[in-house]
C-alpha atoms as a PDB file:
ATOM      1  CA  MET A   1      -0.127  -0.071   0.403  1.00  0.00           C
ATOM      2  CA  THR A   2       2.830   1.968   0.867  1.00  0.00           C
ATOM      3  CA  GLY A   3       4.980   1.553  -2.379  1.00  0.00           C
ATOM      4  CA  LEU A   4       1.612   2.293  -4.237  1.00  0.00           C
ATOM      5  CA  THR A   5       1.135   5.745  -3.021  1.00  0.00           C
ATOM      6  CA  LEU A   6       4.558   6.397  -3.134  1.00  0.00           C
ATOM      7  CA  ALA A   7       4.409   5.436  -6.784  1.00  0.00           C
ATOM      8  CA  ARG A   8       1.074   7.643  -7.775  1.00  0.00           C
ATOM      9  CA  ARG A   9       2.823  10.804  -5.684  1.00  0.00           C
ATOM     10  CA  PRO A  10       6.632  11.181  -6.482  1.00  0.00           C
ATOM     11  CA  SER A  11       6.314  14.505  -5.502  1.00  0.00           C
ATOM     12  CA  VAL A  12       5.203  13.312  -2.116  1.00  0.00           C
ATOM     13  CA  PHE A  13       7.960  11.152  -1.692  1.00  0.00           C
ATOM     14  CA  ALA A  14      10.522  13.658  -2.702  1.00  0.00           C
ATOM     15  CA  ALA A  15       8.932  16.297  -0.672  1.00  0.00           C
ATOM     16  CA  VAL A  16       8.828  13.835   2.432  1.00  0.00           C
ATOM     17  CA  PHE A  17      12.464  13.304   1.841  1.00  0.00           C
ATOM     18  CA  MET A  18      13.705  16.850   1.701  1.00  0.00           C
ATOM     19  CA  MET A  19      11.805  17.560   4.907  1.00  0.00           C
ATOM     20  CA  LEU A  20      13.450  14.776   7.105  1.00  0.00           C
ATOM     21  CA  ALA A  21      16.634  15.517   5.601  1.00  0.00           C
ATOM     22  CA  LEU A  22      16.184  19.343   6.442  1.00  0.00           C
ATOM     23  CA  LEU A  23      14.708  17.865  10.225  1.00  0.00           C
ATOM     24  CA  ALA A  24      17.784  15.432  10.327  1.00  0.00           C
ATOM     25  CA  GLY A  25      20.688  18.156  10.371  1.00  0.00           C
ATOM     26  CA  CYS A  26      18.391  20.405  12.710  1.00  0.00           C
ATOM     27  CA  ALA A  27      18.189  17.029  14.970  1.00  0.00           C
ATOM     28  CA  VAL A  28      21.717  15.954  14.958  1.00  0.00           C
ATOM     29  CA  THR A  29      23.513  19.256  14.837  1.00  0.00           C
ATOM     30  CA  GLN A  30      21.700  20.590  17.869  1.00  0.00           C
ATOM     31  CA  HIS A  31      22.741  18.042  20.106  1.00  0.00           C
ATOM     32  CA  GLN A  32      26.582  18.071  19.179  1.00  0.00           C
ATOM     33  CA  ASP A  33      29.095  20.597  20.950  1.00  0.00           C
ATOM     34  CA  THR A  34      31.714  22.906  19.154  1.00  0.00           C
ATOM     35  CA  ALA A  35      34.210  19.940  18.645  1.00  0.00           C
ATOM     36  CA  GLY A  36      31.632  17.606  17.519  1.00  0.00           C
ATOM     37  CA  GLN A  37      31.159  15.689  20.327  1.00  0.00           C
ATOM     38  CA  PRO A  38      27.526  14.284  20.793  1.00  0.00           C
ATOM     39  CA  ALA A  39      25.456  16.135  23.745  1.00  0.00           C
ATOM     40  CA  VAL A  40      22.661  14.566  23.539  1.00  0.00           C
ATOM     41  CA  LEU A  41      20.103  15.391  26.647  1.00  0.00           C
ATOM     42  CA  PRO A  42      18.524  12.123  28.308  1.00  0.00           C
ATOM     43  CA  LEU A  43      15.041  11.201  28.072  1.00  0.00           C
ATOM     44  CA  ALA A  44      13.113  12.324  31.270  1.00  0.00           C
ATOM     45  CA  PRO A  45      10.517   9.778  32.574  1.00  0.00           C
ATOM     46  CA  PRO A  46       7.051   9.184  31.331  1.00  0.00           C
ATOM     47  CA  MET A  47       4.740  11.502  33.555  1.00  0.00           C
ATOM     48  CA  GLY A  48       0.972  10.687  34.054  1.00  0.00           C
ATOM     49  CA  PRO A  49      -1.962  11.362  33.390  1.00  0.00           C
ATOM     50  CA  ALA A  50      -2.802   9.724  30.206  1.00  0.00           C
ATOM     51  CA  ARG A  51      -3.597  11.471  27.278  1.00  0.00           C
ATOM     52  CA  HIS A  52      -3.724  11.345  23.083  1.00  0.00           C
ATOM     53  CA  ILE A  53      -2.065  14.231  21.630  1.00  0.00           C
ATOM     54  CA  VAL A  54      -1.629  15.558  17.826  1.00  0.00           C
ATOM     55  CA  GLN A  55       0.714  18.059  17.185  1.00  0.00           C
ATOM     56  CA  GLN A  56       1.989  20.244  14.037  1.00  0.00           C
ATOM     57  CA  LEU A  57       5.707  20.703  14.363  1.00  0.00           C
ATOM     58  CA  THR A  58       6.879  23.479  11.700  1.00  0.00           C
ATOM     59  CA  ALA A  59      10.595  23.902  11.722  1.00  0.00           C
ATOM     60  CA  THR A  60      12.085  27.272   9.931  1.00  0.00           C
ATOM     61  CA  TRP A  61      15.436  28.576   8.725  1.00  0.00           C
ATOM     62  CA  ALA A  62      16.166  31.239   7.258  1.00  0.00           C
ATOM     63  CA  ASP A  63      15.512  29.875   3.521  1.00  0.00           C
ATOM     64  CA  ARG A  64      12.898  27.203   4.265  1.00  0.00           C
ATOM     65  CA  GLN A  65       9.914  25.960   6.652  1.00  0.00           C
ATOM     66  CA  GLU A  66       9.139  22.214   6.887  1.00  0.00           C
ATOM     67  CA  THR A  67       6.108  20.674   8.807  1.00  0.00           C
ATOM     68  CA  LEU A  68       5.122  17.222  10.127  1.00  0.00           C
ATOM     69  CA  LEU A  69       2.327  15.588  12.249  1.00  0.00           C
ATOM     70  CA  CYS A  70       3.444  14.380  15.501  1.00  0.00           C
ATOM     71  CA  VAL A  71       0.933  12.152  18.002  1.00  0.00           C
ATOM     72  CA  LEU A  72       1.857  11.644  21.295  1.00  0.00           C
ATOM     73  CA  GLU A  73       0.470   9.043  23.889  1.00  0.00           C
ATOM     74  CA  LEU A  74       1.469   9.621  27.394  1.00  0.00           C
ATOM     75  CA  ASP A  75       1.065   7.895  30.794  1.00  0.00           C
ATOM     76  CA  ALA A  76       3.099   7.638  34.130  1.00  0.00           C
ATOM     77  CA  ARG A  77       4.485   4.520  32.858  1.00  0.00           C
ATOM     78  CA  HIS A  78       5.488   5.154  28.855  1.00  0.00           C
ATOM     79  CA  ILE A  79       5.375   7.456  26.101  1.00  0.00           C
ATOM     80  CA  ALA A  80       4.862   6.509  22.246  1.00  0.00           C
ATOM     81  CA  MET A  81       5.358   8.836  19.536  1.00  0.00           C
ATOM     82  CA  ALA A  82       4.850   8.790  15.928  1.00  0.00           C
ATOM     83  CA  GLY A  83       6.148  10.981  12.966  1.00  0.00           C
ATOM     84  CA  LEU A  84       3.454  11.645  10.081  1.00  0.00           C
ATOM     85  CA  THR A  85       3.379  13.519   6.783  1.00  0.00           C
ATOM     86  CA  HIS A  86       0.028  15.385   6.130  1.00  0.00           C
ATOM     87  CA  GLU A  87      -0.743  12.909   3.964  1.00  0.00           C
ATOM     88  CA  GLY A  88      -1.019   9.683   6.426  1.00  0.00           C
ATOM     89  CA  LEU A  89       2.362   8.296   5.627  1.00  0.00           C
ATOM     90  CA  SER A  90       4.268   7.067   8.458  1.00  0.00           C
ATOM     91  CA  LEU A  91       7.531   8.368   8.495  1.00  0.00           C
ATOM     92  CA  PHE A  92       8.871   6.713  12.568  1.00  0.00           C
ATOM     93  CA  SER A  93       7.692   5.457  16.094  1.00  0.00           C
ATOM     94  CA  LEU A  94       8.848   5.483  19.397  1.00  0.00           C
ATOM     95  CA  SER A  95       8.428   3.986  22.781  1.00  0.00           C
ATOM     96  CA  TYR A  96       9.927   4.526  25.685  1.00  0.00           C
ATOM     97  CA  ASP A  97       9.144   3.189  29.294  1.00  0.00           C
ATOM     98  CA  GLY A  98      11.616   5.043  31.598  1.00  0.00           C
ATOM     99  CA  ARG A  99      14.260   2.530  30.910  1.00  0.00           C
ATOM    100  CA  THR A 100      14.415   1.107  27.858  1.00  0.00           C
ATOM    101  CA  LEU A 101      13.714   3.266  24.370  1.00  0.00           C
ATOM    102  CA  THR A 102      12.483   1.345  21.084  1.00  0.00           C
ATOM    103  CA  ALA A 103      11.854   3.586  17.921  1.00  0.00           C
ATOM    104  CA  ASP A 104      11.115   1.917  14.184  1.00  0.00           C
ATOM    105  CA  LYS A 105      11.551   4.227  11.206  1.00  0.00           C
ATOM    106  CA  SER A 106      10.396   4.200   7.885  1.00  0.00           C
ATOM    107  CA  PRO A 107      12.829   3.149   4.970  1.00  0.00           C
ATOM    108  CA  LEU A 108      11.395   6.231   3.514  1.00  0.00           C
ATOM    109  CA  LEU A 109      12.955   8.196   6.519  1.00  0.00           C
ATOM    110  CA  PRO A 110      16.960   9.355   6.406  1.00  0.00           C
ATOM    111  CA  ALA A 111      19.156   6.922   8.773  1.00  0.00           C
ATOM    112  CA  ALA A 112      20.187  10.497  10.247  1.00  0.00           C
ATOM    113  CA  VAL A 113      17.205  10.976  11.520  1.00  0.00           C
ATOM    114  CA  ALA A 114      16.968  10.103  15.615  1.00  0.00           C
ATOM    115  CA  PRO A 115      13.190  10.465  16.911  1.00  0.00           C
ATOM    116  CA  GLU A 116      14.552  10.178  20.096  1.00  0.00           C
ATOM    117  CA  PHE A 117      16.103  13.518  19.983  1.00  0.00           C
ATOM    118  CA  ILE A 118      12.400  15.286  18.268  1.00  0.00           C
ATOM    119  CA  MET A 119      11.072  13.575  21.740  1.00  0.00           C
ATOM    120  CA  ALA A 120      13.852  14.945  24.010  1.00  0.00           C
ATOM    121  CA  ASP A 121      12.895  19.239  22.653  1.00  0.00           C
ATOM    122  CA  LEU A 122       9.396  18.451  23.217  1.00  0.00           C
ATOM    123  CA  GLN A 123      10.026  17.263  26.805  1.00  0.00           C
ATOM    124  CA  LEU A 124      12.275  20.431  27.270  1.00  0.00           C
ATOM    125  CA  VAL A 125       9.133  22.515  26.373  1.00  0.00           C
ATOM    126  CA  TYR A 126       6.286  20.368  28.165  1.00  0.00           C
ATOM    127  CA  TRP A 127       7.864  18.608  31.479  1.00  0.00           C
ATOM    128  CA  PRO A 128       8.079  19.794  34.580  1.00  0.00           C
ATOM    129  CA  LEU A 129      10.758  21.710  35.237  1.00  0.00           C
ATOM    130  CA  ALA A 130      11.950  20.187  38.518  1.00  0.00           C
ATOM    131  CA  GLU A 131      11.758  16.787  36.128  1.00  0.00           C
ATOM    132  CA  LEU A 132      14.279  18.023  33.437  1.00  0.00           C
ATOM    133  CA  LYS A 133      16.648  19.454  36.410  1.00  0.00           C
ATOM    134  CA  LYS A 134      17.349  15.770  37.903  1.00  0.00           C
ATOM    135  CA  ILE A 135      18.400  14.340  34.017  1.00  0.00           C
ATOM    136  CA  LEU A 136      20.523  17.971  32.905  1.00  0.00           C
ATOM    137  CA  PRO A 137      24.397  16.603  32.522  1.00  0.00           C
ATOM    138  CA  ALA A 138      26.749  18.488  34.648  1.00  0.00           C
ATOM    139  CA  GLY A 139      27.261  22.041  33.162  1.00  0.00           C
ATOM    140  CA  TRP A 140      23.586  22.597  31.745  1.00  0.00           C
ATOM    141  CA  ARG A 141      21.230  24.413  33.346  1.00  0.00           C
ATOM    142  CA  LEU A 142      17.400  25.218  32.723  1.00  0.00           C
ATOM    143  CA  GLU A 143      15.810  28.743  33.848  1.00  0.00           C
ATOM    144  CA  THR A 144      12.458  29.900  33.609  1.00  0.00           C
ATOM    145  CA  GLY A 145      10.174  32.910  33.738  1.00  0.00           C
ATOM    146  CA  PRO A 146       6.619  34.512  32.674  1.00  0.00           C
ATOM    147  CA  GLY A 147       6.132  32.544  29.655  1.00  0.00           C
ATOM    148  CA  HIS A 148       9.358  31.231  28.570  1.00  0.00           C
ATOM    149  CA  ARG A 149      12.257  28.071  29.714  1.00  0.00           C
ATOM    150  CA  MET A 150      16.034  29.133  28.736  1.00  0.00           C
ATOM    151  CA  LEU A 151      18.867  25.791  28.131  1.00  0.00           C
ATOM    152  CA  TYR A 152      22.162  27.103  28.952  1.00  0.00           C
ATOM    153  CA  ARG A 153      25.576  24.676  28.919  1.00  0.00           C
ATOM    154  CA  GLN A 154      28.207  26.934  30.919  1.00  0.00           C
ATOM    155  CA  ASP A 155      27.035  30.479  30.030  1.00  0.00           C
ATOM    156  CA  ASP A 156      25.834  29.986  26.173  1.00  0.00           C
ATOM    157  CA  LYS A 157      22.331  30.198  25.687  1.00  0.00           C
ATOM    158  CA  LYS A 158      21.081  27.078  23.679  1.00  0.00           C
ATOM    159  CA  VAL A 159      17.758  27.077  23.319  1.00  0.00           C
ATOM    160  CA  GLU A 160      15.097  29.498  24.152  1.00  0.00           C
ATOM    161  CA  ILE A 161      11.157  28.671  24.514  1.00  0.00           C
ATOM    162  CA  ARG A 162       8.226  30.991  24.402  1.00  0.00           C
ATOM    163  CA  TYR A 163       4.964  30.208  25.460  1.00  0.00           C
ATOM    164  CA  LEU A 164       2.781  31.772  23.364  1.00  0.00           C
ATOM    165  CA  SER A 165      -0.365  31.124  25.036  1.00  0.00           C
ATOM    166  CA  PRO A 166      -0.826  29.727  28.550  1.00  0.00           C
ATOM    167  CA  ASP A 167      -3.089  27.124  28.524  1.00  0.00           C
ATOM    168  CA  ILE A 168      -3.025  24.648  31.232  1.00  0.00           C
ATOM    169  CA  PRO A 169      -1.615  22.142  31.512  1.00  0.00           C
ATOM    170  CA  TRP A 170      -0.462  21.801  28.087  1.00  0.00           C
ATOM    171  CA  PRO A 171       0.273  25.012  26.188  1.00  0.00           C
ATOM    172  CA  ARG A 172      -0.788  24.609  22.947  1.00  0.00           C
ATOM    173  CA  ASP A 173       1.059  27.474  20.812  1.00  0.00           C
ATOM    174  CA  VAL A 174       4.819  27.210  21.565  1.00  0.00           C
ATOM    175  CA  GLU A 175       7.678  28.575  19.592  1.00  0.00           C
ATOM    176  CA  LEU A 176      11.343  27.015  20.595  1.00  0.00           C
ATOM    177  CA  THR A 177      13.987  28.884  18.983  1.00  0.00           C
ATOM    178  CA  HIS A 178      17.930  27.056  18.849  1.00  0.00           C
ATOM    179  CA  HIS A 179      19.873  30.359  18.859  1.00  0.00           C
ATOM    180  CA  GLN A 180      23.454  28.686  17.917  1.00  0.00           C
ATOM    181  CA  TYR A 181      21.995  26.647  15.026  1.00  0.00           C
ATOM    182  CA  ARG A 182      19.363  29.134  13.659  1.00  0.00           C
ATOM    183  CA  TYR A 183      16.589  27.498  13.412  1.00  0.00           C
ATOM    184  CA  ARG A 184      12.949  28.031  14.718  1.00  0.00           C
ATOM    185  CA  LEU A 185      10.515  25.250  15.647  1.00  0.00           C
ATOM    186  CA  HIS A 186       6.559  25.937  16.380  1.00  0.00           C
ATOM    187  CA  ILE A 187       4.552  23.715  17.933  1.00  0.00           C
ATOM    188  CA  LYS A 188       1.030  23.762  17.722  1.00  0.00           C
ATOM    189  CA  THR A 189      -1.339  21.330  19.448  1.00  0.00           C
ATOM    190  CA  LEU A 190      -4.154  20.370  17.204  1.00  0.00           C
ATOM    191  CA  SER A 191      -5.902  17.984  20.060  1.00  0.00           C
ATOM    192  CA  TYR A 192      -5.387  16.995  23.328  1.00  0.00           C
ATOM    193  CA  ASP A 193      -7.328  14.352  25.192  1.00  0.00           C
ATOM    194  CA  VAL A 194      -7.083  13.064  28.444  1.00  0.00           C
ATOM    195  CA  LEU A 195      -7.602   9.188  28.718  1.00  0.00           C
ATOM    196  CA  PRO A 196      -8.865   7.212  31.386  1.00  0.00           C
ATOM    197  CA  GLU A 197      -6.159   4.985  32.867  1.00  0.00           C
END
């Protein structure tokens, strides 16, 4: 079915591949230090309540903009995430129980794309500050103020998060700016449903 769909829509395939290649560059470089060594923030543990969330992620650079859909299912025991094109093509899935992370990637997905980096960025936006501080590596700090969060490594500001809507407990309109690598991620929550435990 997927092959048939792609055969009928070569432009969709090309657009998806380009989008993911660009997002891959963003995801990989933002988690490396100036010496090229990995500096990935660890994933925080799952947290309740049980929820089903659909979001639109739009990454913007100086000369281009790309969008994908992200579906999250969260509870106190696990995190599940899926990435989709707007046409409904599955790009990746991720599952994390606080100890073991598993990820499945579509053959369409460039090898450099790591879904766990996208999850780490979403946690940086949405997880409680106290939980994030527990997992920050040495030399990193997270500061917060009215409507924003800032992530620093030493005295270098890496990431700035602006909450554009005051929704509690899950802000529906958020902008994440990576200063060093000069891209912006706009996160728009399309649906947010609390599930029975």
